[in-house]
């Protein structure tokens, strides 16, 4: 944890050999630097949440974890669950949750789910998810790789599905997911049938898209904008009456924000000109921060100094 202690994620269960009286609960244990338990949190037993796969502290001092959960117990005493993500506040009170895929028994029993909080406080996660092949309905079930981005309130910005192997024969299980230096993501997994198995990789940009011809990205309603393709030049700095910001590109959807020395937002605007001028006449002296965002993602930040007249 960021205080030098540790966060341990797992599960509490008496499932084996108990049948229909079983319970399954996600569990988070917080310890100090010496491993002494400070608190022990358990999920609602009615959610049937399995062992936690990943847990992170969020910027608002809350917690976000992923597991298999929000399931139900069928008549045989076996659980059917989905991929489950839940946000807790700083007091471990549930704030929001989301489930992914279709209730299923065996294929997603040990899913891979990793969580990252981005600089703008949105959440990106990738997970193996059970669903209909190319959105078919059951019984044509298939495991696909998914990339999901959430706003801080839990609403989705996008949810992309990738079928590295274009067939409903077998299952594609995800094994790793990570961020790339250019703002994109890479997903690795394995496809298994009753006759063969082999690995696969999916490389996408910061919007989760495979390229300009990716029809699955039509819901973004904006052109792709990799971070390396945008640069901002600010002048003069220091300044007394105004600053200019020159943009190398001007895609629709850029937004410019300015924050005062107290961190308060004092100016926000849509970027519509190749050079945006900000009037500083009525601004107090001090150091200010600007941020350029696109589709909710911060692409450029910097500082400038307002001098006295």
Protein backbone atom coordinates (compact mmCIF):
# COMPACT_ATOMS: atom_id res chain seq x y z
CA UNK A 1 0.00 0.00 0.00
CA UNK A 2 1.13 3.63 -0.33
CA UNK A 3 1.68 3.94 3.43
CA UNK A 4 4.27 1.15 3.47
CA UNK A 5 1.80 -1.49 4.65
CA UNK A 6 0.23 -4.25 2.60
CA UNK A 7 -3.12 -5.08 1.02
CA UNK A 8 -3.87 -8.79 0.68
CA UNK A 9 -6.72 -10.02 -1.49
CA UNK A 10 -8.20 -13.50 -1.37
CA UNK A 11 -11.38 -15.32 -0.44
CA UNK A 12 -13.08 -16.92 2.55
CA UNK A 13 -15.03 -20.11 1.87
CA UNK A 14 -16.26 -23.41 3.24
CA UNK A 15 -17.18 -24.48 -0.30
CA UNK A 16 -15.35 -27.81 -0.63
CA UNK A 17 -17.49 -30.72 0.51
CA UNK A 18 -20.32 -28.53 1.83
CA UNK A 19 -22.62 -28.45 -1.23
CA UNK A 20 -25.66 -26.20 -1.07
CA UNK A 21 -24.72 -24.77 2.35
CA UNK A 22 -21.49 -23.33 0.95
CA UNK A 23 -20.56 -19.68 1.17
CA UNK A 24 -17.93 -17.78 -0.82
CA UNK A 25 -16.77 -14.25 0.05
CA UNK A 26 -14.05 -11.96 -1.26
CA UNK A 27 -11.65 -10.85 1.44
CA UNK A 28 -9.26 -7.89 1.82
CA UNK A 29 -6.78 -7.73 4.68
CA UNK A 30 -4.83 -4.55 5.48
CA UNK A 31 -1.57 -4.84 7.43
CA UNK A 32 1.09 -2.45 8.67
CA UNK A 33 4.75 -2.62 7.59
CA UNK A 34 5.34 -5.45 10.06
CA UNK A 35 2.49 -7.60 8.74
CA UNK A 36 0.17 -6.93 11.69
CA UNK A 37 -3.51 -6.96 10.67
CA UNK A 38 -5.16 -3.52 10.87
CA UNK A 39 -8.52 -4.48 9.43
CA UNK A 40 -10.23 -7.38 7.66
CA UNK A 41 -13.02 -6.75 5.12
CA UNK A 42 -15.33 -9.36 3.58
CA UNK A 43 -17.82 -8.99 0.74
CA UNK A 44 -21.55 -9.58 0.95
CA UNK A 45 -22.07 -13.35 1.15
CA UNK A 46 -25.06 -13.07 -1.19
CA UNK A 47 -22.79 -11.94 -4.05
CA UNK A 48 -20.88 -15.25 -4.18
CA UNK A 49 -17.59 -13.44 -4.86
CA UNK A 50 -14.56 -15.64 -5.48
CA UNK A 51 -10.92 -14.91 -4.66
CA UNK A 52 -9.69 -11.43 -5.53
CA UNK A 53 -7.52 -11.29 -8.66
CA UNK A 54 -6.33 -7.69 -8.34
CA UNK A 55 -6.77 -4.81 -5.90
CA UNK A 56 -5.59 -1.20 -6.11
CA UNK A 57 -5.86 1.96 -4.01
CA UNK A 58 -7.52 4.79 -5.92
CA UNK A 59 -6.65 8.48 -5.77
CA UNK A 60 -9.73 9.21 -3.64
CA UNK A 61 -8.28 6.81 -1.00
CA UNK A 62 -10.80 4.13 -1.90
CA UNK A 63 -10.26 0.57 -3.09
CA UNK A 64 -11.03 -1.24 -6.34
CA UNK A 65 -10.89 -5.01 -6.69
CA UNK A 66 -11.67 -7.63 -9.32
CA UNK A 67 -12.75 -11.25 -8.94
CA UNK A 68 -15.41 -13.69 -10.05
CA UNK A 69 -18.66 -12.85 -8.39
CA UNK A 70 -22.25 -11.60 -8.35
CA UNK A 71 -23.23 -15.20 -8.94
CA UNK A 72 -25.90 -17.61 -7.82
CA UNK A 73 -25.90 -21.19 -6.55
CA UNK A 74 -27.58 -23.70 -8.83
CA UNK A 75 -29.39 -26.78 -7.57
CA UNK A 76 -26.32 -29.02 -7.67
CA UNK A 77 -24.52 -26.77 -5.18
CA UNK A 78 -22.11 -25.31 -7.76
CA UNK A 79 -21.82 -21.55 -8.32
CA UNK A 80 -22.35 -19.76 -11.62
CA UNK A 81 -20.58 -16.41 -11.71
CA UNK A 82 -19.42 -13.54 -13.88
CA UNK A 83 -16.29 -11.40 -13.91
CA UNK A 84 -16.98 -8.92 -11.10
CA UNK A 85 -15.44 -5.49 -10.32
CA UNK A 86 -16.33 -3.47 -7.22
CA UNK A 87 -15.33 -0.02 -5.95
CA UNK A 88 -15.19 0.67 -2.19
CA UNK A 89 -14.79 4.05 -0.52
CA UNK A 90 -12.10 4.77 2.11
CA UNK A 91 -14.31 3.11 4.77
CA UNK A 92 -14.74 -0.03 2.63
CA UNK A 93 -18.37 0.77 1.86
CA UNK A 94 -19.40 -0.40 -1.67
CA UNK A 95 -19.82 2.52 -4.08
CA UNK A 96 -20.39 0.81 -7.44
CA UNK A 97 -19.85 -2.53 -9.13
CA UNK A 98 -20.01 -4.04 -12.59
CA UNK A 99 -20.36 -7.55 -13.99
CA UNK A 100 -19.08 -8.76 -17.34
CA UNK A 101 -20.11 -11.68 -19.50
CA UNK A 102 -22.64 -14.47 -19.11
CA UNK A 103 -23.23 -16.69 -16.06
CA UNK A 104 -21.20 -19.79 -16.75
CA UNK A 105 -19.82 -22.72 -14.82
CA UNK A 106 -16.34 -23.84 -15.77
CA UNK A 107 -14.50 -21.78 -18.41
CA UNK A 108 -13.92 -18.55 -16.43
CA UNK A 109 -13.28 -20.30 -13.11
CA UNK A 110 -9.81 -18.77 -12.90
CA UNK A 111 -9.98 -15.47 -14.82
CA UNK A 112 -7.23 -12.94 -15.33
CA UNK A 113 -8.34 -9.41 -14.38
CA UNK A 114 -5.87 -6.53 -13.92
CA UNK A 115 -6.74 -2.97 -12.89
CA UNK A 116 -5.00 0.36 -13.58
CA UNK A 117 -6.02 3.87 -12.50
CA UNK A 118 -5.08 6.43 -15.17
CA UNK A 119 -3.93 10.02 -14.46
CA UNK A 120 -7.46 11.36 -15.02
CA UNK A 121 -8.84 8.93 -12.37
CA UNK A 122 -10.54 6.72 -14.96
CA UNK A 123 -10.03 2.96 -14.63
CA UNK A 124 -8.78 0.62 -17.36
CA UNK A 125 -9.10 -3.13 -17.01
CA UNK A 126 -8.80 -6.19 -19.19
CA UNK A 127 -10.34 -9.58 -18.55
CA UNK A 128 -11.26 -12.91 -20.06
CA UNK A 129 -15.04 -12.81 -20.40
CA UNK A 130 -17.54 -15.53 -21.35
CA UNK A 131 -20.14 -14.47 -23.89
CA UNK A 132 -21.78 -15.40 -27.16
CA UNK A 133 -19.39 -15.76 -30.08
CA UNK A 134 -19.48 -12.44 -31.99
CA UNK A 135 -22.45 -11.45 -29.80
CA UNK A 136 -24.43 -14.63 -30.50
CA UNK A 137 -26.55 -15.85 -27.61
CA UNK A 138 -25.98 -19.11 -25.73
CA UNK A 139 -25.48 -22.02 -26.21
CA UNK A 140 -22.71 -20.76 -28.53
CA UNK A 141 -20.49 -19.62 -25.68
CA UNK A 142 -16.99 -18.32 -26.27
CA UNK A 143 -14.27 -16.77 -24.08
CA UNK A 144 -12.98 -13.48 -25.50
CA UNK A 145 -10.51 -10.83 -24.36
CA UNK A 146 -12.11 -7.59 -23.20
CA UNK A 147 -10.75 -4.08 -22.58
CA UNK A 148 -12.97 -1.81 -20.49
CA UNK A 149 -12.51 1.79 -19.37
CA UNK A 150 -14.61 3.24 -16.54
CA UNK A 151 -15.25 6.76 -15.34
CA UNK A 152 -14.68 7.36 -11.60
CA UNK A 153 -18.44 6.87 -11.01
CA UNK A 154 -18.38 3.40 -12.60
CA UNK A 155 -20.04 4.27 -15.90
CA UNK A 156 -18.33 2.84 -18.99
CA UNK A 157 -16.39 4.92 -21.51
CA UNK A 158 -15.86 1.90 -23.75
CA UNK A 159 -15.94 -1.90 -23.71
CA UNK A 160 -14.08 -3.54 -26.58
CA UNK A 161 -14.12 -7.26 -27.37
CA UNK A 162 -11.29 -9.01 -29.19
CA UNK A 163 -11.51 -12.41 -30.87
CA UNK A 164 -7.84 -13.17 -31.65
CA UNK A 165 -8.91 -16.52 -33.09
CA UNK A 166 -11.96 -16.07 -35.31
CA UNK A 167 -13.72 -19.29 -34.41
CA UNK A 168 -16.11 -20.58 -31.79
CA UNK A 169 -14.09 -23.80 -31.57
CA UNK A 170 -12.23 -23.74 -28.24
CA UNK A 171 -11.63 -20.80 -25.93
CA UNK A 172 -9.24 -17.85 -25.87
CA UNK A 173 -8.16 -17.21 -22.31
CA UNK A 174 -6.30 -14.05 -21.34
CA UNK A 175 -3.09 -14.32 -19.31
CA UNK A 176 -1.55 -10.84 -19.17
CA UNK A 177 -2.35 -7.20 -19.86
CA UNK A 178 -0.18 -4.11 -19.57
CA UNK A 179 0.21 -0.47 -20.57
CA UNK A 180 2.61 0.57 -23.34
CA UNK A 181 4.83 3.67 -23.35
CA UNK A 182 2.80 5.30 -26.15
CA UNK A 183 -0.44 5.13 -24.12
CA UNK A 184 -1.74 1.97 -25.78
CA UNK A 185 -2.17 -1.52 -24.34
CA UNK A 186 -1.06 -5.07 -25.07
CA UNK A 187 -3.02 -8.21 -24.16
CA UNK A 188 -1.63 -11.75 -24.21
CA UNK A 189 -3.45 -15.04 -24.02
CA UNK A 190 -3.81 -18.62 -25.19
CA UNK A 191 -6.33 -20.36 -27.42
CA UNK A 192 -7.12 -23.98 -26.55
CA UNK A 193 -9.18 -26.58 -28.40
CA UNK A 194 -9.44 -30.34 -27.90
CA UNK A 195 -6.73 -30.74 -30.56
CA UNK A 196 -4.27 -27.84 -30.11
CA UNK A 197 -3.20 -24.79 -28.12
CA UNK A 198 -1.23 -21.68 -29.06
CA UNK A 199 -0.61 -18.15 -27.79
CA UNK A 200 -1.85 -14.83 -29.15
CA UNK A 201 -1.19 -11.08 -28.71
CA UNK A 202 -3.51 -8.09 -29.20
CA UNK A 203 -1.98 -4.59 -29.47
CA UNK A 204 -4.35 -1.61 -29.33
CA UNK A 205 -4.09 2.18 -29.02
CA UNK A 206 -5.14 4.32 -26.04
CA UNK A 207 -8.79 4.09 -27.11
CA UNK A 208 -8.64 0.30 -27.27
CA UNK A 209 -8.78 0.31 -31.08
CA UNK A 210 -6.87 -1.99 -33.42
CA UNK A 211 -6.47 0.71 -36.09
CA UNK A 212 -8.24 3.22 -38.30
CA UNK A 213 -10.35 0.48 -39.88
CA UNK A 214 -11.49 -1.01 -36.58
CA UNK A 215 -15.28 -1.08 -36.91
CA UNK A 216 -15.57 -1.88 -33.20
CA UNK A 217 -14.50 1.69 -32.40
CA UNK A 218 -17.43 3.42 -34.07
CA UNK A 219 -18.86 4.32 -30.66
CA UNK A 220 -15.98 6.70 -29.88
CA UNK A 221 -17.37 9.38 -32.25
CA UNK A 222 -13.89 10.88 -32.58
CA UNK A 223 -10.72 10.33 -34.60
CA UNK A 224 -7.89 8.35 -33.05
CA UNK A 225 -5.27 10.47 -31.34
CA UNK A 226 -2.18 8.66 -30.09
CA UNK A 227 -0.37 10.75 -27.51
CA UNK A 228 2.85 11.02 -29.49
CA UNK A 229 1.03 12.85 -32.30
CA UNK A 230 0.13 15.91 -30.19
CA UNK A 231 2.53 18.55 -28.88
CA UNK A 232 1.76 21.90 -27.29
CA UNK A 233 4.03 24.93 -27.28
CA UNK A 234 3.31 27.63 -24.68
CA UNK A 235 4.67 31.21 -24.80
CA UNK A 236 5.53 33.66 -23.36
CA UNK A 237 6.47 32.07 -20.06
CA UNK A 238 6.65 33.87 -17.65
CA UNK A 239 3.79 36.07 -18.85
CA UNK A 240 2.05 39.23 -17.64
CA UNK A 241 -1.08 39.80 -19.73
CA UNK A 242 -1.60 36.68 -21.88
CA UNK A 243 -0.22 33.28 -22.95
CA UNK A 244 -0.47 31.48 -26.28
CA UNK A 245 -0.71 27.71 -26.73
CA UNK A 246 0.16 26.37 -30.19
CA UNK A 247 -1.15 22.92 -31.15
CA UNK A 248 0.54 20.74 -33.78
CA UNK A 249 -2.80 19.07 -34.52
CA UNK A 250 -6.36 20.23 -34.06
CA UNK A 251 -8.67 17.19 -33.88
CA UNK A 252 -12.25 17.76 -32.83
CA UNK A 253 -12.77 17.14 -29.12
CA UNK A 254 -9.67 18.71 -27.56
CA UNK A 255 -10.31 20.56 -24.29
CA UNK A 256 -8.03 22.99 -22.44
CA UNK A 257 -8.18 23.47 -18.65
CA UNK A 258 -6.25 25.86 -16.38
CA UNK A 259 -5.80 25.52 -12.61
CA UNK A 260 -4.69 28.17 -10.11
CA UNK A 261 -2.01 27.65 -7.40
CA UNK A 262 -4.72 26.20 -5.10
CA UNK A 263 -5.58 23.52 -7.65
CA UNK A 264 -8.93 25.12 -8.52
CA UNK A 265 -10.21 25.00 -12.10
CA UNK A 266 -10.46 28.62 -13.27
CA UNK A 267 -10.67 28.32 -17.05
CA UNK A 268 -11.93 25.60 -19.39
CA UNK A 269 -12.61 25.75 -23.11
CA UNK A 270 -12.86 23.66 -26.24
CA UNK A 271 -9.78 24.03 -28.42
CA UNK A 272 -11.00 25.37 -31.76
CA UNK A 273 -7.96 27.38 -32.92
CA UNK A 274 -4.45 26.27 -33.85
CA UNK A 275 -3.27 28.94 -31.40
CA UNK A 276 -5.34 29.49 -28.27
CA UNK A 277 -4.76 32.76 -26.37
CA UNK A 278 -5.66 33.06 -22.68
CA UNK A 279 -6.13 36.52 -21.17
CA UNK A 280 -4.28 36.75 -17.81
CA UNK A 281 -5.15 40.38 -17.05
CA UNK A 282 -7.30 39.61 -14.01
CA UNK A 283 -5.29 36.63 -12.79
CA UNK A 284 -3.22 36.79 -9.61
CA UNK A 285 0.53 36.29 -9.75
CA UNK A 286 1.66 32.72 -9.23
CA UNK A 287 2.29 29.36 -10.90
CA UNK A 288 -0.56 27.89 -12.93
CA UNK A 289 -1.11 24.47 -14.49
CA UNK A 290 -2.71 23.75 -17.86
CA UNK A 291 -4.05 20.39 -19.04
CA UNK A 292 -5.12 19.31 -22.53
CA UNK A 293 -7.60 16.42 -22.64
CA UNK A 294 -9.13 14.34 -25.39
CA UNK A 295 -12.11 12.04 -24.89
CA UNK A 296 -11.55 12.21 -21.12
CA UNK A 297 -7.82 11.39 -21.32
CA UNK A 298 -5.03 13.85 -20.41
CA UNK A 299 -2.66 14.24 -23.38
CA UNK A 300 -0.50 17.19 -22.29
CA UNK A 301 0.14 19.11 -19.09
CA UNK A 302 2.48 21.94 -18.14
CA UNK A 303 3.08 24.98 -15.95
CA UNK A 304 3.32 28.68 -16.59
CA UNK A 305 4.06 31.70 -14.40
CA UNK A 306 1.87 34.80 -14.17
CA UNK A 307 4.02 37.81 -13.28
CA UNK A 308 2.86 41.13 -11.89
CA UNK A 309 2.01 43.89 -14.37
